[in-house]
Amino acid sequence: MKIVGMVIVLLTVGALSALAQESAGEQIKYGAKKTGEAIKDTAKTVGTTTKSTAKTVGRKTKEAWRETKAKAKEVTE
């Protein structure tokens, strides 16, 4: 009778530890999913900001070129 009780206890402990491992695995999976989503959102934000900055730099460079060209034309006349 004691052996049967010990076997039941061992099986119960084994089952609980297996559930705990699955739970830890699920937590890791959930954490990885959240991290992936955060990285994706950050990459989108960086991409949008970079695109906006590039447009601004392009526009300002074009304006500076036009102004420089106009000044050079004034000087030569």
PDB file of N, CA and C in Angstrom:
ATOM      1  N   MET A   1       0.822  -1.193   0.000  1.00  0.00           N
ATOM      2  CA  MET A   1       0.000   0.000   0.000  1.00  0.00           C
ATOM      3  C   MET A   1       0.868   1.260   0.000  1.00  0.00           C
ATOM      4  N   LYS A   2       1.982   1.211   0.756  1.00  0.00           N
ATOM      5  CA  LYS A   2       2.867   2.369   0.801  1.00  0.00           C
ATOM      6  C   LYS A   2       3.509   2.617  -0.553  1.00  0.00           C
ATOM      7  N   ILE A   3       3.821   1.524  -1.265  1.00  0.00           N
ATOM      8  CA  ILE A   3       4.461   1.662  -2.572  1.00  0.00           C
ATOM      9  C   ILE A   3       3.503   2.317  -3.558  1.00  0.00           C
ATOM     10  N   VAL A   4       2.235   1.916  -3.515  1.00  0.00           N
ATOM     11  CA  VAL A   4       1.237   2.507  -4.400  1.00  0.00           C
ATOM     12  C   VAL A   4       1.091   3.997  -4.103  1.00  0.00           C
ATOM     13  N   GLY A   5       1.081   4.348  -2.848  1.00  0.00           N
ATOM     14  CA  GLY A   5       0.986   5.757  -2.455  1.00  0.00           C
ATOM     15  C   GLY A   5       2.185   6.551  -2.926  1.00  0.00           C
ATOM     16  N   MET A   6       3.385   5.959  -2.813  1.00  0.00           N
ATOM     17  CA  MET A   6       4.596   6.640  -3.262  1.00  0.00           C
ATOM     18  C   MET A   6       4.591   6.810  -4.774  1.00  0.00           C
ATOM     19  N   VAL A   7       4.094   5.818  -5.497  1.00  0.00           N
ATOM     20  CA  VAL A   7       4.029   5.897  -6.957  1.00  0.00           C
ATOM     21  C   VAL A   7       3.064   7.014  -7.363  1.00  0.00           C
ATOM     22  N   ILE A   8       1.935   7.083  -6.689  1.00  0.00           N
ATOM     23  CA  ILE A   8       0.953   8.132  -6.983  1.00  0.00           C
ATOM     24  C   ILE A   8       1.551   9.508  -6.720  1.00  0.00           C
ATOM     25  N   VAL A   9       2.262   9.644  -5.612  1.00  0.00           N
ATOM     26  CA  VAL A   9       2.898  10.919  -5.284  1.00  0.00           C
ATOM     27  C   VAL A   9       3.926  11.281  -6.347  1.00  0.00           C
ATOM     28  N   LEU A  10       4.755  10.322  -6.743  1.00  0.00           N
ATOM     29  CA  LEU A  10       5.774  10.578  -7.770  1.00  0.00           C
ATOM     30  C   LEU A  10       5.134  10.963  -9.108  1.00  0.00           C
ATOM     31  N   LEU A  11       4.071  10.262  -9.490  1.00  0.00           N
ATOM     32  CA  LEU A  11       3.385  10.593 -10.732  1.00  0.00           C
ATOM     33  C   LEU A  11       2.763  11.991 -10.664  1.00  0.00           C
ATOM     34  N   THR A  12       2.203  12.330  -9.513  1.00  0.00           N
ATOM     35  CA  THR A  12       1.609  13.654  -9.333  1.00  0.00           C
ATOM     36  C   THR A  12       2.673  14.742  -9.430  1.00  0.00           C
ATOM     37  N   VAL A  13       3.803  14.523  -8.773  1.00  0.00           N
ATOM     38  CA  VAL A  13       4.904  15.496  -8.824  1.00  0.00           C
ATOM     39  C   VAL A  13       5.406  15.631 -10.262  1.00  0.00           C
ATOM     40  N   GLY A  14       5.542  14.531 -10.951  1.00  0.00           N
ATOM     41  CA  GLY A  14       5.986  14.561 -12.348  1.00  0.00           C
ATOM     42  C   GLY A  14       5.019  15.320 -13.229  1.00  0.00           C
ATOM     43  N   ALA A  15       3.721  15.083 -13.032  1.00  0.00           N
ATOM     44  CA  ALA A  15       2.709  15.769 -13.833  1.00  0.00           C
ATOM     45  C   ALA A  15       2.725  17.267 -13.542  1.00  0.00           C
ATOM     46  N   LEU A  16       2.851  17.630 -12.271  1.00  0.00           N
ATOM     47  CA  LEU A  16       2.883  19.053 -11.915  1.00  0.00           C
ATOM     48  C   LEU A  16       4.115  19.749 -12.487  1.00  0.00           C
ATOM     49  N   SER A  17       5.249  19.072 -12.456  1.00  0.00           N
ATOM     50  CA  SER A  17       6.455  19.689 -13.008  1.00  0.00           C
ATOM     51  C   SER A  17       6.337  19.822 -14.526  1.00  0.00           C
ATOM     52  N   ALA A  18       5.683  18.860 -15.171  1.00  0.00           N
ATOM     53  CA  ALA A  18       5.469  18.959 -16.620  1.00  0.00           C
ATOM     54  C   ALA A  18       4.558  20.140 -16.931  1.00  0.00           C
ATOM     55  N   LEU A  19       3.529  20.330 -16.122  1.00  0.00           N
ATOM     56  CA  LEU A  19       2.641  21.479 -16.319  1.00  0.00           C
ATOM     57  C   LEU A  19       3.380  22.787 -16.074  1.00  0.00           C
ATOM     58  N   ALA A  20       4.233  22.811 -15.084  1.00  0.00           N
ATOM     59  CA  ALA A  20       5.004  24.019 -14.791  1.00  0.00           C
ATOM     60  C   ALA A  20       5.936  24.338 -15.948  1.00  0.00           C
ATOM     61  N   GLN A  21       6.543  23.329 -16.549  1.00  0.00           N
ATOM     62  CA  GLN A  21       7.421  23.559 -17.693  1.00  0.00           C
ATOM     63  C   GLN A  21       6.634  24.073 -18.880  1.00  0.00           C
ATOM     64  N   GLU A  22       5.470  23.515 -19.105  1.00  0.00           N
ATOM     65  CA  GLU A  22       4.623  23.973 -20.200  1.00  0.00           C
ATOM     66  C   GLU A  22       4.218  25.424 -19.957  1.00  0.00           C
ATOM     67  N   SER A  23       3.913  25.739 -18.726  1.00  0.00           N
ATOM     68  CA  SER A  23       3.537  27.096 -18.385  1.00  0.00           C
ATOM     69  C   SER A  23       4.697  28.057 -18.632  1.00  0.00           C
ATOM     70  N   ALA A  24       5.891  27.650 -18.261  1.00  0.00           N
ATOM     71  CA  ALA A  24       7.067  28.488 -18.501  1.00  0.00           C
ATOM     72  C   ALA A  24       7.290  28.642 -19.999  1.00  0.00           C
ATOM     73  N   GLY A  25       7.101  27.555 -20.736  1.00  0.00           N
ATOM     74  CA  GLY A  25       7.238  27.610 -22.192  1.00  0.00           C
ATOM     75  C   GLY A  25       6.226  28.554 -22.811  1.00  0.00           C
ATOM     76  N   GLU A  26       5.010  28.497 -22.314  1.00  0.00           N
ATOM     77  CA  GLU A  26       3.964  29.392 -22.811  1.00  0.00           C
ATOM     78  C   GLU A  26       4.291  30.850 -22.478  1.00  0.00           C
ATOM     79  N   GLN A  27       4.847  31.068 -21.289  1.00  0.00           N
ATOM     80  CA  GLN A  27       5.219  32.427 -20.899  1.00  0.00           C
ATOM     81  C   GLN A  27       6.327  32.955 -21.798  1.00  0.00           C
ATOM     82  N   ILE A  28       7.294  32.113 -22.117  1.00  0.00           N
ATOM     83  CA  ILE A  28       8.380  32.519 -23.000  1.00  0.00           C
ATOM     84  C   ILE A  28       7.836  32.825 -24.385  1.00  0.00           C
ATOM     85  N   LYS A  29       6.948  31.968 -24.853  1.00  0.00           N
ATOM     86  CA  LYS A  29       6.343  32.165 -26.174  1.00  0.00           C
ATOM     87  C   LYS A  29       5.563  33.484 -26.211  1.00  0.00           C
ATOM     88  N   TYR A  30       4.803  33.756 -25.174  1.00  0.00           N
ATOM     89  CA  TYR A  30       4.030  34.999 -25.089  1.00  0.00           C
ATOM     90  C   TYR A  30       4.962  36.214 -25.039  1.00  0.00           C
ATOM     91  N   GLY A  31       6.024  36.109 -24.230  1.00  0.00           N
ATOM     92  CA  GLY A  31       6.982  37.207 -24.126  1.00  0.00           C
ATOM     93  C   GLY A  31       7.679  37.463 -25.455  1.00  0.00           C
ATOM     94  N   ALA A  32       8.032  36.400 -26.154  1.00  0.00           N
ATOM     95  CA  ALA A  32       8.683  36.551 -27.455  1.00  0.00           C
ATOM     96  C   ALA A  32       7.745  37.198 -28.466  1.00  0.00           C
ATOM     97  N   LYS A  33       6.481  36.832 -28.400  1.00  0.00           N
ATOM     98  CA  LYS A  33       5.494  37.418 -29.316  1.00  0.00           C
ATOM     99  C   LYS A  33       5.347  38.915 -29.046  1.00  0.00           C
ATOM    100  N   LYS A  34       5.255  39.282 -27.789  1.00  0.00           N
ATOM    101  CA  LYS A  34       5.139  40.696 -27.419  1.00  0.00           C
ATOM    102  C   LYS A  34       6.379  41.477 -27.841  1.00  0.00           C
ATOM    103  N   THR A  35       7.556  40.875 -27.635  1.00  0.00           N
ATOM    104  CA  THR A  35       8.804  41.531 -28.023  1.00  0.00           C
ATOM    105  C   THR A  35       8.846  41.732 -29.533  1.00  0.00           C
ATOM    106  N   GLY A  36       8.446  40.715 -30.271  1.00  0.00           N
ATOM    107  CA  GLY A  36       8.401  40.821 -31.729  1.00  0.00           C
ATOM    108  C   GLY A  36       7.475  41.928 -32.192  1.00  0.00           C
ATOM    109  N   GLU A  37       6.314  42.035 -31.562  1.00  0.00           N
ATOM    110  CA  GLU A  37       5.367  43.094 -31.918  1.00  0.00           C
ATOM    111  C   GLU A  37       5.947  44.474 -31.609  1.00  0.00           C
ATOM    112  N   ALA A  38       6.623  44.595 -30.471  1.00  0.00           N
ATOM    113  CA  ALA A  38       7.224  45.879 -30.098  1.00  0.00           C
ATOM    114  C   ALA A  38       8.322  46.266 -31.088  1.00  0.00           C
ATOM    115  N   ILE A  39       9.134  45.301 -31.499  1.00  0.00           N
ATOM    116  CA  ILE A  39      10.199  45.577 -32.472  1.00  0.00           C
ATOM    117  C   ILE A  39       9.584  46.000 -33.806  1.00  0.00           C
ATOM    118  N   LYS A  40       8.528  45.331 -34.211  1.00  0.00           N
ATOM    119  CA  LYS A  40       7.856  45.661 -35.474  1.00  0.00           C
ATOM    120  C   LYS A  40       7.306  47.087 -35.432  1.00  0.00           C
ATOM    121  N   ASP A  41       6.653  47.446 -34.337  1.00  0.00           N
ATOM    122  CA  ASP A  41       6.105  48.796 -34.192  1.00  0.00           C
ATOM    123  C   ASP A  41       7.214  49.849 -34.203  1.00  0.00           C
ATOM    124  N   THR A  42       8.311  49.561 -33.520  1.00  0.00           N
ATOM    125  CA  THR A  42       9.435  50.490 -33.476  1.00  0.00           C
ATOM    126  C   THR A  42      10.044  50.660 -34.862  1.00  0.00           C
ATOM    127  N   ALA A  43      10.171  49.568 -35.590  1.00  0.00           N
ATOM    128  CA  ALA A  43      10.732  49.640 -36.943  1.00  0.00           C
ATOM    129  C   ALA A  43       9.845  50.487 -37.854  1.00  0.00           C
ATOM    130  N   LYS A  44       8.531  50.353 -37.718  1.00  0.00           N
ATOM    131  CA  LYS A  44       7.620  51.179 -38.515  1.00  0.00           C
ATOM    132  C   LYS A  44       7.799  52.654 -38.177  1.00  0.00           C
ATOM    133  N   THR A  45       7.902  52.964 -36.900  1.00  0.00           N
ATOM    134  CA  THR A  45       8.077  54.348 -36.466  1.00  0.00           C
ATOM    135  C   THR A  45       9.386  54.917 -36.988  1.00  0.00           C
ATOM    136  N   VAL A  46      10.449  54.141 -36.883  1.00  0.00           N
ATOM    137  CA  VAL A  46      11.754  54.589 -37.377  1.00  0.00           C
ATOM    138  C   VAL A  46      11.694  54.812 -38.882  1.00  0.00           C
ATOM    139  N   GLY A  47      11.063  53.910 -39.600  1.00  0.00           N
ATOM    140  CA  GLY A  47      10.933  54.046 -41.052  1.00  0.00           C
ATOM    141  C   GLY A  47      10.174  55.297 -41.437  1.00  0.00           C
ATOM    142  N   THR A  48       9.084  55.560 -40.753  1.00  0.00           N
ATOM    143  CA  THR A  48       8.283  56.753 -41.042  1.00  0.00           C
ATOM    144  C   THR A  48       9.074  58.019 -40.741  1.00  0.00           C
ATOM    145  N   THR A  49       9.752  58.041 -39.617  1.00  0.00           N
ATOM    146  CA  THR A  49      10.543  59.216 -39.237  1.00  0.00           C
ATOM    147  C   THR A  49      11.694  59.438 -40.217  1.00  0.00           C
ATOM    148  N   THR A  50      12.352  58.364 -40.615  1.00  0.00           N
ATOM    149  CA  THR A  50      13.460  58.469 -41.556  1.00  0.00           C
ATOM    150  C   THR A  50      12.975  59.001 -42.898  1.00  0.00           C
ATOM    151  N   LYS A  51      11.845  58.517 -43.358  1.00  0.00           N
ATOM    152  CA  LYS A  51      11.279  58.973 -44.632  1.00  0.00           C
ATOM    153  C   LYS A  51      10.948  60.457 -44.564  1.00  0.00           C
ATOM    154  N   SER A  52      10.340  60.879 -43.477  1.00  0.00           N
ATOM    155  CA  SER A  52       9.991  62.286 -43.295  1.00  0.00           C
ATOM    156  C   SER A  52      11.242  63.157 -43.261  1.00  0.00           C
ATOM    157  N   THR A  53      12.251  62.699 -42.547  1.00  0.00           N
ATOM    158  CA  THR A  53      13.505  63.455 -42.454  1.00  0.00           C
ATOM    159  C   THR A  53      14.176  63.561 -43.815  1.00  0.00           C
ATOM    160  N   ALA A  54      14.175  62.468 -44.564  1.00  0.00           N
ATOM    161  CA  ALA A  54      14.789  62.483 -45.894  1.00  0.00           C
ATOM    162  C   ALA A  54      14.074  63.465 -46.809  1.00  0.00           C
ATOM    163  N   LYS A  55      12.764  63.526 -46.729  1.00  0.00           N
ATOM    164  CA  LYS A  55      12.007  64.488 -47.547  1.00  0.00           C
ATOM    165  C   LYS A  55      12.366  65.919 -47.164  1.00  0.00           C
ATOM    166  N   THR A  56      12.458  66.178 -45.874  1.00  0.00           N
ATOM    167  CA  THR A  56      12.799  67.520 -45.400  1.00  0.00           C
ATOM    168  C   THR A  56      14.193  67.921 -45.867  1.00  0.00           C
ATOM    169  N   VAL A  57      15.157  67.012 -45.724  1.00  0.00           N
ATOM    170  CA  VAL A  57      16.522  67.298 -46.152  1.00  0.00           C
ATOM    171  C   VAL A  57      16.553  67.558 -47.658  1.00  0.00           C
ATOM    172  N   GLY A  58      15.836  66.767 -48.422  1.00  0.00           N
ATOM    173  CA  GLY A  58      15.779  66.955 -49.876  1.00  0.00           C
ATOM    174  C   GLY A  58      15.196  68.307 -50.252  1.00  0.00           C
ATOM    175  N   ARG A  59      14.126  68.662 -49.574  1.00  0.00           N
ATOM    176  CA  ARG A  59      13.475  69.942 -49.851  1.00  0.00           C
ATOM    177  C   ARG A  59      14.397  71.104 -49.501  1.00  0.00           C
ATOM    178  N   LYS A  60      15.036  71.031 -48.339  1.00  0.00           N
ATOM    179  CA  LYS A  60      15.942  72.116 -47.906  1.00  0.00           C
ATOM    180  C   LYS A  60      17.160  72.207 -48.823  1.00  0.00           C
ATOM    181  N   THR A  61      17.669  71.073 -49.278  1.00  0.00           N
ATOM    182  CA  THR A  61      18.817  71.080 -50.187  1.00  0.00           C
ATOM    183  C   THR A  61      18.435  71.728 -51.512  1.00  0.00           C
ATOM    184  N   LYS A  62      17.276  71.414 -51.994  1.00  0.00           N
ATOM    185  CA  LYS A  62      16.792  71.999 -53.254  1.00  0.00           C
ATOM    186  C   LYS A  62      16.617  73.509 -53.108  1.00  0.00           C
ATOM    187  N   GLU A  63      16.052  73.950 -51.987  1.00  0.00           N
ATOM    188  CA  GLU A  63      15.881  75.385 -51.738  1.00  0.00           C
ATOM    189  C   GLU A  63      17.239  76.092 -51.674  1.00  0.00           C
ATOM    190  N   ALA A  64      18.194  75.481 -50.987  1.00  0.00           N
ATOM    191  CA  ALA A  64      19.531  76.075 -50.872  1.00  0.00           C
ATOM    192  C   ALA A  64      20.200  76.165 -52.235  1.00  0.00           C
ATOM    193  N   TRP A  65      20.036  75.142 -53.051  1.00  0.00           N
ATOM    194  CA  TRP A  65      20.614  75.148 -54.395  1.00  0.00           C
ATOM    195  C   TRP A  65      20.018  76.274 -55.227  1.00  0.00           C
ATOM    196  N   ARG A  66      18.687  76.432 -55.160  1.00  0.00           N
ATOM    197  CA  ARG A  66      18.024  77.504 -55.914  1.00  0.00           C
ATOM    198  C   ARG A  66      18.506  78.872 -55.460  1.00  0.00           C
ATOM    199  N   GLU A  67      18.607  79.050 -54.139  1.00  0.00           N
ATOM    200  CA  GLU A  67      19.069  80.339 -53.616  1.00  0.00           C
ATOM    201  C   GLU A  67      20.513  80.620 -54.036  1.00  0.00           C
ATOM    202  N   THR A  68      21.342  79.605 -53.986  1.00  0.00           N
ATOM    203  CA  THR A  68      22.746  79.758 -54.377  1.00  0.00           C
ATOM    204  C   THR A  68      22.840  80.102 -55.857  1.00  0.00           C
ATOM    205  N   LYS A  69      22.047  79.448 -56.669  1.00  0.00           N
ATOM    206  CA  LYS A  69      22.041  79.710 -58.105  1.00  0.00           C
ATOM    207  C   LYS A  69      21.581  81.132 -58.391  1.00  0.00           C
ATOM    208  N   ALA A  70      20.534  81.584 -57.689  1.00  0.00           N
ATOM    209  CA  ALA A  70      20.019  82.944 -57.878  1.00  0.00           C
ATOM    210  C   ALA A  70      21.060  83.979 -57.456  1.00  0.00           C
ATOM    211  N   LYS A  71      21.730  83.739 -56.334  1.00  0.00           N
ATOM    212  CA  LYS A  71      22.767  84.677 -55.863  1.00  0.00           C
ATOM    213  C   LYS A  71      23.921  84.731 -56.851  1.00  0.00           C
ATOM    214  N   ALA A  72      24.317  83.572 -57.372  1.00  0.00           N
ATOM    215  CA  ALA A  72      25.407  83.545 -58.350  1.00  0.00           C
ATOM    216  C   ALA A  72      25.043  84.296 -59.607  1.00  0.00           C
ATOM    217  N   LYS A  73      23.800  84.187 -59.997  1.00  0.00           N
ATOM    218  CA  LYS A  73      23.327  84.887 -61.196  1.00  0.00           C
ATOM    219  C   LYS A  73      23.352  86.397 -60.957  1.00  0.00           C
ATOM    220  N   GLU A  74      22.944  86.836 -59.740  1.00  0.00           N
ATOM    221  CA  GLU A  74      22.960  88.265 -59.401  1.00  0.00           C
ATOM    222  C   GLU A  74      24.393  88.820 -59.428  1.00  0.00           C
ATOM    223  N   VAL A  75      25.312  88.044 -58.909  1.00  0.00           N
ATOM    224  CA  VAL A  75      26.702  88.487 -58.823  1.00  0.00           C
ATOM    225  C   VAL A  75      27.316  88.633 -60.221  1.00  0.00           C
ATOM    226  N   THR A  76      26.977  87.730 -61.122  1.00  0.00           N
ATOM    227  CA  THR A  76      27.571  87.765 -62.454  1.00  0.00           C
ATOM    228  C   THR A  76      26.946  88.856 -63.325  1.00  0.00           C
ATOM    229  N   GLU A  77      25.785  89.350 -62.981  1.00  0.00           N
ATOM    230  CA  GLU A  77      25.135  90.378 -63.807  1.00  0.00           C
ATOM    231  C   GLU A  77      25.620  91.736 -63.488  1.00  0.00           C
TER     232      GLU A  77
END
